[in-house]
N, C-alpha and C. Protein backbone atom coordinates (compact mmCIF):
# COMPACT_ATOMS: atom_id res chain seq x y z
N MET A 1 0.82 -1.21 0.00
CA MET A 1 0.00 0.00 0.00
C MET A 1 0.86 1.27 0.00
N THR A 2 1.92 1.25 0.82
CA THR A 2 2.80 2.41 0.90
C THR A 2 3.44 2.71 -0.46
N PHE A 3 3.88 1.64 -1.14
CA PHE A 3 4.51 1.82 -2.45
C PHE A 3 3.53 2.43 -3.45
N LEU A 4 2.30 1.92 -3.47
CA LEU A 4 1.29 2.42 -4.39
C LEU A 4 0.97 3.89 -4.11
N LEU A 5 0.80 4.22 -2.85
CA LEU A 5 0.51 5.61 -2.48
C LEU A 5 1.68 6.53 -2.81
N SER A 6 2.89 6.02 -2.68
CA SER A 6 4.08 6.81 -3.03
C SER A 6 4.09 7.14 -4.52
N ILE A 7 3.76 6.15 -5.34
CA ILE A 7 3.69 6.37 -6.78
C ILE A 7 2.61 7.39 -7.11
N LEU A 8 1.46 7.27 -6.49
CA LEU A 8 0.36 8.20 -6.74
C LEU A 8 0.73 9.62 -6.30
N ALA A 9 1.41 9.73 -5.16
CA ALA A 9 1.84 11.05 -4.69
C ALA A 9 2.83 11.67 -5.66
N PHE A 10 3.78 10.85 -6.14
CA PHE A 10 4.78 11.35 -7.09
C PHE A 10 4.12 11.78 -8.40
N LEU A 11 3.19 10.96 -8.89
CA LEU A 11 2.51 11.30 -10.15
C LEU A 11 1.68 12.58 -10.00
N SER A 12 1.02 12.73 -8.85
CA SER A 12 0.23 13.94 -8.60
C SER A 12 1.14 15.17 -8.58
N ALA A 13 2.29 15.04 -7.90
CA ALA A 13 3.25 16.15 -7.85
C ALA A 13 3.80 16.46 -9.24
N LEU A 14 4.07 15.41 -10.01
CA LEU A 14 4.62 15.60 -11.36
C LEU A 14 3.60 16.28 -12.28
N ILE A 15 2.36 15.83 -12.21
CA ILE A 15 1.31 16.42 -13.05
C ILE A 15 1.07 17.87 -12.66
N TYR A 16 0.99 18.13 -11.34
CA TYR A 16 0.78 19.51 -10.92
C TYR A 16 1.95 20.39 -11.35
N GLY A 17 3.17 19.93 -11.06
CA GLY A 17 4.34 20.74 -11.39
C GLY A 17 4.53 20.93 -12.88
N GLY A 18 4.22 19.89 -13.66
CA GLY A 18 4.47 19.98 -15.09
C GLY A 18 3.35 20.59 -15.89
N MET A 19 2.11 20.50 -15.39
CA MET A 19 0.98 20.92 -16.20
C MET A 19 0.06 21.96 -15.56
N CYS A 20 0.11 22.08 -14.23
CA CYS A 20 -0.91 22.88 -13.56
C CYS A 20 -0.40 24.09 -12.77
N CYS A 21 0.87 24.11 -12.41
CA CYS A 21 1.29 25.11 -11.43
C CYS A 21 1.22 26.54 -11.96
N ARG A 22 1.20 26.73 -13.28
CA ARG A 22 1.05 28.08 -13.83
C ARG A 22 -0.32 28.30 -14.45
N LYS A 23 -1.23 27.33 -14.23
CA LYS A 23 -2.59 27.46 -14.76
C LYS A 23 -3.48 28.20 -13.78
N ARG A 24 -4.64 28.64 -14.25
CA ARG A 24 -5.62 29.29 -13.38
C ARG A 24 -6.25 28.26 -12.45
N ALA A 25 -6.86 28.77 -11.39
CA ALA A 25 -7.51 27.90 -10.40
C ALA A 25 -8.57 27.03 -11.07
N SER A 26 -8.57 25.74 -10.71
CA SER A 26 -9.56 24.81 -11.23
C SER A 26 -9.64 23.64 -10.27
N LEU A 27 -10.66 22.83 -10.41
CA LEU A 27 -10.83 21.67 -9.54
C LEU A 27 -9.69 20.68 -9.73
N ALA A 28 -9.32 20.42 -10.99
CA ALA A 28 -8.25 19.47 -11.26
C ALA A 28 -6.93 19.95 -10.66
N ARG A 29 -6.65 21.23 -10.81
CA ARG A 29 -5.43 21.82 -10.25
C ARG A 29 -5.39 21.65 -8.74
N THR A 30 -6.52 21.90 -8.09
CA THR A 30 -6.61 21.78 -6.64
C THR A 30 -6.41 20.33 -6.20
N ILE A 31 -7.01 19.40 -6.93
CA ILE A 31 -6.91 17.98 -6.57
C ILE A 31 -5.46 17.49 -6.66
N PHE A 32 -4.79 17.79 -7.77
CA PHE A 32 -3.42 17.33 -7.93
C PHE A 32 -2.49 17.97 -6.89
N LYS A 33 -2.69 19.24 -6.63
CA LYS A 33 -1.82 19.93 -5.67
C LYS A 33 -2.03 19.39 -4.27
N THR A 34 -3.27 19.22 -3.87
CA THR A 34 -3.58 18.76 -2.52
C THR A 34 -3.16 17.32 -2.30
N SER A 35 -3.43 16.46 -3.27
CA SER A 35 -3.12 15.04 -3.11
C SER A 35 -1.63 14.77 -3.09
N SER A 36 -0.83 15.64 -3.68
CA SER A 36 0.62 15.43 -3.72
C SER A 36 1.21 15.30 -2.33
N VAL A 37 0.74 16.10 -1.39
CA VAL A 37 1.22 16.03 -0.01
C VAL A 37 0.21 15.32 0.88
N GLY A 38 -1.08 15.40 0.54
CA GLY A 38 -2.08 14.69 1.32
C GLY A 38 -1.80 13.19 1.37
N LEU A 39 -1.35 12.63 0.24
CA LEU A 39 -1.02 11.21 0.21
C LEU A 39 0.21 10.90 1.07
N LEU A 40 1.13 11.86 1.18
CA LEU A 40 2.27 11.67 2.07
C LEU A 40 1.81 11.58 3.52
N ALA A 41 0.79 12.35 3.87
CA ALA A 41 0.24 12.28 5.22
C ALA A 41 -0.38 10.90 5.48
N VAL A 42 -1.05 10.36 4.47
CA VAL A 42 -1.63 9.02 4.60
C VAL A 42 -0.53 7.98 4.76
N ILE A 43 0.53 8.12 3.99
CA ILE A 43 1.68 7.21 4.11
C ILE A 43 2.25 7.26 5.52
N ALA A 44 2.40 8.46 6.05
CA ALA A 44 2.92 8.62 7.41
C ALA A 44 2.02 7.92 8.42
N ALA A 45 0.72 8.07 8.27
CA ALA A 45 -0.23 7.45 9.19
C ALA A 45 -0.17 5.93 9.10
N LEU A 46 -0.09 5.40 7.87
CA LEU A 46 -0.05 3.95 7.70
C LEU A 46 1.22 3.34 8.28
N ASN A 47 2.28 4.13 8.35
CA ASN A 47 3.56 3.64 8.88
C ASN A 47 3.77 4.03 10.34
N GLN A 48 2.68 4.39 11.01
CA GLN A 48 2.70 4.71 12.43
C GLN A 48 3.73 5.79 12.76
N ALA A 49 3.76 6.81 11.94
CA ALA A 49 4.66 7.94 12.17
C ALA A 49 4.16 8.75 13.36
N PRO A 50 5.01 9.59 13.92
CA PRO A 50 4.58 10.47 15.02
C PRO A 50 3.38 11.33 14.60
N VAL A 51 2.49 11.57 15.53
CA VAL A 51 1.28 12.35 15.25
C VAL A 51 1.64 13.72 14.70
N LEU A 52 2.70 14.32 15.23
CA LEU A 52 3.09 15.66 14.78
C LEU A 52 3.51 15.66 13.31
N LEU A 53 4.13 14.59 12.85
CA LEU A 53 4.52 14.49 11.44
C LEU A 53 3.28 14.38 10.57
N ILE A 54 2.35 13.54 10.98
CA ILE A 54 1.09 13.40 10.24
C ILE A 54 0.35 14.73 10.20
N ALA A 55 0.32 15.42 11.35
CA ALA A 55 -0.37 16.71 11.42
C ALA A 55 0.30 17.74 10.52
N ALA A 56 1.63 17.78 10.52
CA ALA A 56 2.35 18.76 9.69
C ALA A 56 2.07 18.54 8.21
N LEU A 57 2.09 17.29 7.79
CA LEU A 57 1.79 16.98 6.39
C LEU A 57 0.33 17.26 6.07
N GLY A 58 -0.55 16.95 7.01
CA GLY A 58 -1.98 17.20 6.79
C GLY A 58 -2.28 18.68 6.66
N PHE A 59 -1.71 19.50 7.54
CA PHE A 59 -1.94 20.94 7.45
C PHE A 59 -1.27 21.52 6.20
N SER A 60 -0.17 20.93 5.77
CA SER A 60 0.45 21.38 4.52
C SER A 60 -0.47 21.11 3.34
N ALA A 61 -1.08 19.92 3.32
CA ALA A 61 -2.03 19.60 2.25
C ALA A 61 -3.22 20.55 2.27
N LEU A 62 -3.69 20.87 3.48
CA LEU A 62 -4.79 21.84 3.61
C LEU A 62 -4.35 23.20 3.07
N GLY A 63 -3.13 23.59 3.40
CA GLY A 63 -2.61 24.86 2.88
C GLY A 63 -2.53 24.86 1.38
N ASP A 64 -2.11 23.75 0.80
CA ASP A 64 -2.06 23.64 -0.66
C ASP A 64 -3.45 23.82 -1.27
N MET A 65 -4.43 23.20 -0.65
CA MET A 65 -5.80 23.30 -1.17
C MET A 65 -6.29 24.74 -1.11
N LEU A 66 -6.01 25.43 -0.02
CA LEU A 66 -6.46 26.81 0.14
C LEU A 66 -5.71 27.76 -0.80
N LEU A 67 -4.43 27.56 -0.95
CA LEU A 67 -3.64 28.42 -1.83
C LEU A 67 -4.02 28.23 -3.30
N ALA A 68 -4.52 27.06 -3.63
CA ALA A 68 -4.91 26.78 -5.02
C ALA A 68 -6.07 27.65 -5.47
N ARG A 69 -6.75 28.32 -4.52
CA ARG A 69 -7.89 29.16 -4.88
C ARG A 69 -7.44 30.46 -5.54
N GLU A 70 -6.16 30.85 -5.34
CA GLU A 70 -5.58 32.01 -6.02
C GLU A 70 -6.33 33.31 -5.72
N ASN A 71 -6.66 33.55 -4.45
CA ASN A 71 -7.21 34.84 -4.05
C ASN A 71 -6.67 35.20 -2.67
N ASP A 72 -6.89 36.45 -2.24
CA ASP A 72 -6.30 36.91 -0.99
C ASP A 72 -6.81 36.13 0.22
N ARG A 73 -8.09 35.83 0.22
CA ARG A 73 -8.64 35.06 1.35
C ARG A 73 -8.02 33.67 1.41
N GLY A 74 -7.90 33.03 0.26
CA GLY A 74 -7.27 31.72 0.21
C GLY A 74 -5.82 31.78 0.62
N PHE A 75 -5.14 32.88 0.23
CA PHE A 75 -3.73 33.04 0.58
C PHE A 75 -3.56 33.15 2.08
N LEU A 76 -4.39 33.96 2.75
CA LEU A 76 -4.30 34.11 4.20
C LEU A 76 -4.64 32.81 4.91
N SER A 77 -5.68 32.13 4.45
CA SER A 77 -6.07 30.86 5.06
C SER A 77 -4.98 29.81 4.86
N GLY A 78 -4.43 29.78 3.65
CA GLY A 78 -3.35 28.84 3.38
C GLY A 78 -2.12 29.13 4.22
N MET A 79 -1.83 30.41 4.39
CA MET A 79 -0.70 30.79 5.23
C MET A 79 -0.90 30.33 6.67
N ALA A 80 -2.13 30.43 7.17
CA ALA A 80 -2.44 29.98 8.53
C ALA A 80 -2.23 28.47 8.65
N ALA A 81 -2.64 27.72 7.62
CA ALA A 81 -2.45 26.27 7.64
C ALA A 81 -0.97 25.91 7.64
N PHE A 82 -0.19 26.59 6.81
CA PHE A 82 1.24 26.32 6.77
C PHE A 82 1.95 26.81 8.04
N PHE A 83 1.45 27.88 8.64
CA PHE A 83 1.97 28.33 9.93
C PHE A 83 1.85 27.19 10.94
N THR A 84 0.69 26.56 10.98
CA THR A 84 0.46 25.45 11.89
C THR A 84 1.37 24.27 11.56
N ALA A 85 1.57 24.01 10.27
CA ALA A 85 2.45 22.92 9.85
C ALA A 85 3.88 23.17 10.31
N HIS A 86 4.36 24.40 10.18
CA HIS A 86 5.72 24.72 10.60
C HIS A 86 5.89 24.55 12.11
N ILE A 87 4.90 24.97 12.87
CA ILE A 87 4.98 24.82 14.32
C ILE A 87 4.97 23.34 14.69
N ALA A 88 4.15 22.54 14.02
CA ALA A 88 4.13 21.09 14.27
C ALA A 88 5.49 20.47 13.96
N TYR A 89 6.10 20.88 12.84
CA TYR A 89 7.43 20.38 12.50
C TYR A 89 8.45 20.80 13.56
N ALA A 90 8.37 22.04 14.01
CA ALA A 90 9.33 22.53 15.00
C ALA A 90 9.25 21.72 16.29
N ILE A 91 8.04 21.47 16.76
CA ILE A 91 7.87 20.67 17.99
C ILE A 91 8.36 19.25 17.76
N LEU A 92 8.05 18.70 16.58
CA LEU A 92 8.49 17.34 16.24
C LEU A 92 10.01 17.25 16.29
N PHE A 93 10.69 18.20 15.68
CA PHE A 93 12.16 18.16 15.63
C PHE A 93 12.78 18.25 17.02
N THR A 94 12.17 19.07 17.88
CA THR A 94 12.74 19.23 19.23
C THR A 94 12.63 17.93 20.03
N ASN A 95 11.71 17.05 19.65
CA ASN A 95 11.59 15.77 20.34
C ASN A 95 12.78 14.85 20.11
N TYR A 96 13.59 15.16 19.09
CA TYR A 96 14.73 14.32 18.76
C TYR A 96 16.07 15.00 19.09
N LEU A 97 16.03 16.07 19.87
CA LEU A 97 17.27 16.74 20.24
C LEU A 97 18.16 15.79 21.03
N PRO A 98 19.43 15.68 20.66
CA PRO A 98 20.33 14.78 21.39
C PRO A 98 20.66 15.33 22.77
N PRO A 99 21.02 14.47 23.70
CA PRO A 99 21.42 14.95 25.03
C PRO A 99 22.71 15.76 24.96
N GLY A 100 22.90 16.61 25.93
CA GLY A 100 24.13 17.38 25.97
C GLY A 100 23.95 18.86 25.68
N GLY A 101 22.70 19.28 25.46
CA GLY A 101 22.46 20.70 25.25
C GLY A 101 22.65 21.13 23.81
N VAL A 102 22.67 22.43 23.62
CA VAL A 102 22.76 23.02 22.28
C VAL A 102 24.19 22.93 21.76
N SER A 103 24.34 22.49 20.52
CA SER A 103 25.67 22.36 19.91
C SER A 103 26.11 23.69 19.30
N LYS A 104 27.40 23.79 19.03
CA LYS A 104 27.93 24.99 18.37
C LYS A 104 27.33 25.16 16.98
N PHE A 105 27.14 24.04 16.30
CA PHE A 105 26.52 24.09 14.97
C PHE A 105 25.14 24.72 15.04
N GLN A 106 24.34 24.31 16.02
CA GLN A 106 22.99 24.84 16.12
C GLN A 106 23.01 26.33 16.45
N VAL A 107 23.95 26.76 17.30
CA VAL A 107 24.04 28.17 17.64
C VAL A 107 24.35 29.00 16.41
N VAL A 108 25.39 28.59 15.67
CA VAL A 108 25.79 29.33 14.48
C VAL A 108 24.68 29.31 13.42
N ALA A 109 24.11 28.12 13.20
CA ALA A 109 23.05 27.99 12.20
C ALA A 109 21.83 28.81 12.59
N SER A 110 21.52 28.86 13.87
CA SER A 110 20.36 29.63 14.33
C SER A 110 20.55 31.12 14.09
N ILE A 111 21.75 31.61 14.37
CA ILE A 111 22.05 33.02 14.13
C ILE A 111 21.91 33.36 12.65
N ILE A 112 22.44 32.47 11.80
CA ILE A 112 22.34 32.70 10.35
C ILE A 112 20.88 32.72 9.91
N LEU A 113 20.08 31.79 10.42
CA LEU A 113 18.67 31.72 10.02
C LEU A 113 17.89 32.94 10.50
N ILE A 114 18.19 33.40 11.69
CA ILE A 114 17.51 34.59 12.21
C ILE A 114 17.85 35.81 11.36
N LEU A 115 19.13 35.97 11.04
CA LEU A 115 19.56 37.11 10.23
C LEU A 115 18.97 37.03 8.82
N LEU A 116 18.96 35.81 8.26
CA LEU A 116 18.41 35.62 6.92
C LEU A 116 16.92 35.93 6.90
N SER A 117 16.19 35.44 7.89
CA SER A 117 14.74 35.68 7.96
C SER A 117 14.44 37.16 8.10
N ALA A 118 15.21 37.84 8.94
CA ALA A 118 15.02 39.28 9.12
C ALA A 118 15.31 40.04 7.83
N ALA A 119 16.36 39.62 7.13
CA ALA A 119 16.73 40.29 5.88
C ALA A 119 15.65 40.09 4.80
N ILE A 120 15.13 38.88 4.69
CA ILE A 120 14.09 38.60 3.71
C ILE A 120 12.84 39.41 4.02
N TYR A 121 12.46 39.44 5.29
CA TYR A 121 11.25 40.19 5.66
C TYR A 121 11.45 41.68 5.38
N ARG A 122 12.61 42.19 5.67
CA ARG A 122 12.86 43.61 5.40
C ARG A 122 12.80 43.90 3.90
N TYR A 123 13.31 42.96 3.11
CA TYR A 123 13.29 43.11 1.66
C TYR A 123 11.85 43.13 1.13
N LEU A 124 10.99 42.33 1.74
CA LEU A 124 9.60 42.23 1.28
C LEU A 124 8.70 43.30 1.88
N ARG A 125 9.05 43.85 3.03
CA ARG A 125 8.16 44.65 3.87
C ARG A 125 7.45 45.78 3.12
N ALA A 126 8.19 46.49 2.30
CA ALA A 126 7.61 47.65 1.61
C ALA A 126 6.49 47.26 0.65
N LYS A 127 6.47 46.01 0.20
CA LYS A 127 5.49 45.55 -0.79
C LYS A 127 4.37 44.71 -0.18
N LEU A 128 4.40 44.50 1.12
CA LEU A 128 3.45 43.58 1.74
C LEU A 128 2.07 44.16 1.94
N GLY A 129 1.98 45.46 2.19
CA GLY A 129 0.68 46.09 2.39
C GLY A 129 -0.08 45.48 3.56
N ALA A 130 -1.30 45.01 3.30
CA ALA A 130 -2.14 44.44 4.35
C ALA A 130 -1.61 43.09 4.86
N PHE A 131 -0.67 42.51 4.14
CA PHE A 131 -0.11 41.21 4.55
C PHE A 131 1.10 41.36 5.47
N ARG A 132 1.41 42.58 5.87
CA ARG A 132 2.64 42.81 6.63
C ARG A 132 2.69 41.99 7.92
N VAL A 133 1.63 42.02 8.70
CA VAL A 133 1.61 41.28 9.97
C VAL A 133 1.56 39.77 9.74
N PRO A 134 0.64 39.26 8.90
CA PRO A 134 0.62 37.81 8.67
C PRO A 134 1.94 37.26 8.15
N VAL A 135 2.55 37.97 7.21
CA VAL A 135 3.82 37.50 6.67
C VAL A 135 4.91 37.57 7.74
N GLY A 136 4.86 38.58 8.58
CA GLY A 136 5.83 38.68 9.67
C GLY A 136 5.73 37.50 10.62
N LEU A 137 4.51 37.16 11.00
CA LEU A 137 4.30 36.01 11.89
C LEU A 137 4.72 34.71 11.21
N TYR A 138 4.42 34.61 9.94
CA TYR A 138 4.78 33.40 9.20
C TYR A 138 6.30 33.27 9.09
N THR A 139 6.98 34.40 8.92
CA THR A 139 8.44 34.39 8.86
C THR A 139 9.03 33.87 10.15
N VAL A 140 8.44 34.26 11.27
CA VAL A 140 8.90 33.76 12.57
C VAL A 140 8.72 32.25 12.65
N ALA A 141 7.56 31.76 12.19
CA ALA A 141 7.29 30.32 12.24
C ALA A 141 8.30 29.54 11.39
N ILE A 142 8.62 30.06 10.20
CA ILE A 142 9.60 29.39 9.35
C ILE A 142 10.96 29.34 10.04
N ALA A 143 11.36 30.45 10.63
CA ALA A 143 12.66 30.51 11.31
C ALA A 143 12.70 29.53 12.48
N VAL A 144 11.62 29.47 13.25
CA VAL A 144 11.56 28.54 14.39
C VAL A 144 11.68 27.10 13.91
N MET A 145 10.99 26.77 12.83
CA MET A 145 11.09 25.41 12.27
C MET A 145 12.51 25.11 11.84
N GLY A 146 13.13 26.05 11.14
CA GLY A 146 14.50 25.84 10.68
C GLY A 146 15.48 25.69 11.83
N ILE A 147 15.32 26.52 12.85
CA ILE A 147 16.20 26.45 14.02
C ILE A 147 16.03 25.11 14.72
N ALA A 148 14.79 24.66 14.86
CA ALA A 148 14.55 23.36 15.50
C ALA A 148 15.20 22.24 14.71
N ALA A 149 15.16 22.34 13.37
CA ALA A 149 15.74 21.30 12.53
C ALA A 149 17.26 21.22 12.69
N THR A 150 17.91 22.36 12.95
CA THR A 150 19.37 22.35 13.10
C THR A 150 19.80 21.59 14.35
N GLY A 151 18.87 21.31 15.25
CA GLY A 151 19.21 20.55 16.45
C GLY A 151 19.09 19.06 16.28
N LEU A 152 18.63 18.60 15.09
CA LEU A 152 18.51 17.17 14.86
C LEU A 152 19.88 16.51 14.90
N PRO A 153 19.98 15.31 15.45
CA PRO A 153 21.28 14.65 15.56
C PRO A 153 21.82 14.24 14.19
N PHE A 154 23.16 14.20 14.09
CA PHE A 154 23.79 13.75 12.85
C PHE A 154 23.92 12.22 12.91
N ALA A 155 22.79 11.56 12.93
CA ALA A 155 22.76 10.11 13.02
C ALA A 155 21.53 9.60 12.28
N LYS A 156 21.59 8.30 11.94
CA LYS A 156 20.51 7.65 11.22
C LYS A 156 20.18 8.46 9.96
N SER A 157 18.89 8.78 9.76
CA SER A 157 18.48 9.51 8.55
C SER A 157 17.98 10.91 8.87
N PHE A 158 18.32 11.41 10.06
CA PHE A 158 17.85 12.74 10.43
C PHE A 158 18.41 13.83 9.51
N GLY A 159 19.54 13.54 8.87
CA GLY A 159 20.10 14.50 7.93
C GLY A 159 19.15 14.80 6.78
N LEU A 160 18.36 13.81 6.38
CA LEU A 160 17.38 14.03 5.32
C LEU A 160 16.33 15.03 5.77
N ALA A 161 15.89 14.90 7.03
CA ALA A 161 14.90 15.83 7.56
C ALA A 161 15.47 17.25 7.64
N LEU A 162 16.73 17.36 8.03
CA LEU A 162 17.38 18.68 8.07
C LEU A 162 17.45 19.29 6.67
N LEU A 163 17.83 18.48 5.69
CA LEU A 163 17.87 18.97 4.31
C LEU A 163 16.48 19.37 3.85
N GLY A 164 15.48 18.56 4.21
CA GLY A 164 14.11 18.89 3.84
C GLY A 164 13.65 20.20 4.43
N ALA A 165 14.00 20.45 5.68
CA ALA A 165 13.65 21.72 6.32
C ALA A 165 14.29 22.89 5.59
N GLY A 166 15.54 22.71 5.16
CA GLY A 166 16.22 23.76 4.40
C GLY A 166 15.55 24.03 3.07
N LEU A 167 15.16 22.97 2.37
CA LEU A 167 14.47 23.14 1.09
C LEU A 167 13.10 23.79 1.28
N PHE A 168 12.43 23.45 2.39
CA PHE A 168 11.13 24.05 2.69
C PHE A 168 11.29 25.57 2.86
N MET A 169 12.31 25.97 3.61
CA MET A 169 12.56 27.40 3.81
C MET A 169 12.87 28.08 2.48
N ALA A 170 13.69 27.44 1.66
CA ALA A 170 14.05 28.01 0.37
C ALA A 170 12.81 28.18 -0.51
N SER A 171 11.94 27.19 -0.49
CA SER A 171 10.70 27.25 -1.27
C SER A 171 9.81 28.41 -0.80
N ASP A 172 9.66 28.55 0.51
CA ASP A 172 8.83 29.63 1.05
C ASP A 172 9.40 31.01 0.70
N ILE A 173 10.71 31.13 0.78
CA ILE A 173 11.36 32.40 0.45
C ILE A 173 11.11 32.76 -1.01
N MET A 174 11.30 31.78 -1.89
CA MET A 174 11.09 32.03 -3.32
C MET A 174 9.63 32.33 -3.62
N LEU A 175 8.72 31.65 -2.93
CA LEU A 175 7.29 31.91 -3.14
C LEU A 175 6.93 33.33 -2.72
N ALA A 176 7.48 33.79 -1.60
CA ALA A 176 7.21 35.14 -1.12
C ALA A 176 7.76 36.18 -2.10
N ILE A 177 8.95 35.92 -2.61
CA ILE A 177 9.54 36.84 -3.59
C ILE A 177 8.72 36.87 -4.86
N GLU A 178 8.28 35.68 -5.30
CA GLU A 178 7.46 35.59 -6.51
C GLU A 178 6.16 36.39 -6.37
N LYS A 179 5.56 36.35 -5.18
CA LYS A 179 4.27 37.01 -4.98
C LYS A 179 4.42 38.51 -4.74
N PHE A 180 5.40 38.90 -3.92
CA PHE A 180 5.47 40.29 -3.49
C PHE A 180 6.58 41.10 -4.16
N ARG A 181 7.67 40.46 -4.57
CA ARG A 181 8.75 41.18 -5.26
C ARG A 181 9.19 40.37 -6.47
N PRO A 182 8.28 40.14 -7.43
CA PRO A 182 8.61 39.29 -8.57
C PRO A 182 9.77 39.87 -9.37
N PRO A 183 10.66 38.98 -9.86
CA PRO A 183 11.80 39.46 -10.66
C PRO A 183 11.35 40.11 -11.96
N ASP A 184 12.14 41.07 -12.40
CA ASP A 184 11.81 41.76 -13.65
C ASP A 184 12.04 40.88 -14.88
N HIS A 185 12.99 39.97 -14.77
CA HIS A 185 13.34 39.13 -15.91
C HIS A 185 12.21 38.14 -16.19
N ASN A 186 11.71 38.15 -17.41
CA ASN A 186 10.56 37.32 -17.77
C ASN A 186 10.85 35.82 -17.62
N LYS A 187 12.06 35.39 -17.98
CA LYS A 187 12.39 33.98 -17.87
C LYS A 187 12.38 33.53 -16.41
N ALA A 188 12.92 34.37 -15.53
CA ALA A 188 12.93 34.03 -14.11
C ALA A 188 11.51 33.90 -13.57
N ARG A 189 10.64 34.82 -13.98
CA ARG A 189 9.25 34.78 -13.51
C ARG A 189 8.53 33.55 -14.07
N ARG A 190 8.92 33.12 -15.25
CA ARG A 190 8.26 31.97 -15.87
C ARG A 190 8.62 30.66 -15.18
N TYR A 191 9.90 30.51 -14.81
CA TYR A 191 10.35 29.24 -14.27
C TYR A 191 10.30 29.16 -12.75
N MET A 192 10.13 30.29 -12.08
CA MET A 192 10.14 30.28 -10.62
C MET A 192 9.05 29.38 -10.03
N PRO A 193 7.80 29.40 -10.53
CA PRO A 193 6.78 28.51 -9.94
C PRO A 193 7.16 27.03 -9.97
N TYR A 194 7.83 26.60 -11.04
CA TYR A 194 8.25 25.20 -11.13
C TYR A 194 9.30 24.87 -10.06
N LEU A 195 10.24 25.79 -9.87
CA LEU A 195 11.29 25.57 -8.88
C LEU A 195 10.71 25.59 -7.47
N VAL A 196 9.80 26.52 -7.22
CA VAL A 196 9.15 26.60 -5.90
C VAL A 196 8.45 25.29 -5.59
N TRP A 197 7.70 24.76 -6.55
CA TRP A 197 6.97 23.52 -6.32
C TRP A 197 7.91 22.34 -6.10
N ALA A 198 8.94 22.23 -6.92
CA ALA A 198 9.88 21.11 -6.79
C ALA A 198 10.57 21.13 -5.43
N LEU A 199 11.04 22.29 -5.02
CA LEU A 199 11.70 22.40 -3.72
C LEU A 199 10.74 22.04 -2.59
N TYR A 200 9.53 22.52 -2.68
CA TYR A 200 8.53 22.29 -1.63
C TYR A 200 8.18 20.81 -1.52
N TRP A 201 7.86 20.16 -2.64
CA TRP A 201 7.41 18.78 -2.55
C TRP A 201 8.53 17.85 -2.10
N PHE A 202 9.72 18.03 -2.66
CA PHE A 202 10.83 17.19 -2.23
C PHE A 202 11.22 17.47 -0.78
N ALA A 203 11.00 18.69 -0.31
CA ALA A 203 11.23 18.99 1.10
C ALA A 203 10.34 18.14 1.98
N GLN A 204 9.07 18.05 1.63
CA GLN A 204 8.14 17.24 2.41
C GLN A 204 8.53 15.76 2.37
N VAL A 205 8.94 15.28 1.22
CA VAL A 205 9.35 13.88 1.09
C VAL A 205 10.57 13.60 1.95
N LEU A 206 11.55 14.49 1.92
CA LEU A 206 12.77 14.28 2.70
C LEU A 206 12.51 14.30 4.20
N ILE A 207 11.65 15.20 4.64
CA ILE A 207 11.30 15.22 6.06
C ILE A 207 10.59 13.93 6.45
N LEU A 208 9.65 13.50 5.63
CA LEU A 208 8.92 12.26 5.90
C LEU A 208 9.88 11.08 6.00
N LEU A 209 10.77 10.92 5.01
CA LEU A 209 11.70 9.80 5.02
C LEU A 209 12.70 9.92 6.17
N GLY A 210 13.17 11.14 6.40
CA GLY A 210 14.15 11.35 7.47
C GLY A 210 13.64 10.92 8.83
N ILE A 211 12.36 11.18 9.10
CA ILE A 211 11.77 10.80 10.38
C ILE A 211 11.41 9.31 10.39
N LEU A 212 10.74 8.85 9.33
CA LEU A 212 10.33 7.44 9.30
C LEU A 212 11.53 6.49 9.39
N TRP A 213 12.61 6.79 8.72
CA TRP A 213 13.77 5.90 8.71
C TRP A 213 14.62 6.02 9.97
N SER A 214 14.28 6.95 10.83
CA SER A 214 15.08 7.17 12.04
C SER A 214 14.39 6.70 13.32
N ILE A 215 13.10 6.37 13.21
CA ILE A 215 12.37 5.98 14.43
C ILE A 215 12.29 4.46 14.54
């Protein structure tokens, strides 16, 4: 069952990324986008994954469904769903912190992530308008998730989850730039949605595998 669902999730992600991500809102577009991560949540549940992992994937799928509506209300609702997913991931990651306290790597990585998040928000701030507060709160949630991921032990497959968290942050940053500070170059604007989707979906897969293979 897990293998079949994995194939279906991959095909849904491939169809959405290759055929739908630059199309207008439609039922088919919403189904492919939502099922791409929704099926990952089902896989996690079938493999007795931690509840927080299932919840994070589930709220991500909900966020995908809401964002597929392509309007401001859907964007805010989707952001709220992904905010919840990031917090769930952050709590999940802290459950695997190794004994011995905070490492030097985590301290340095945390400082870099805080500075990066602040810089990105400052870059976007002038163009955010009514989204200034929601995006600010969401930026904090992303940073918290990333910081929590840097505390994962360098053992088993936790490295995959750390890489996935990094790709998730990169995807969110690119999505924010695409929406609020789109590049002037037409080619960059054309291909950015594909890159955002690829980074996002593989981020979720890596986090899922990193946790499942480590427990």
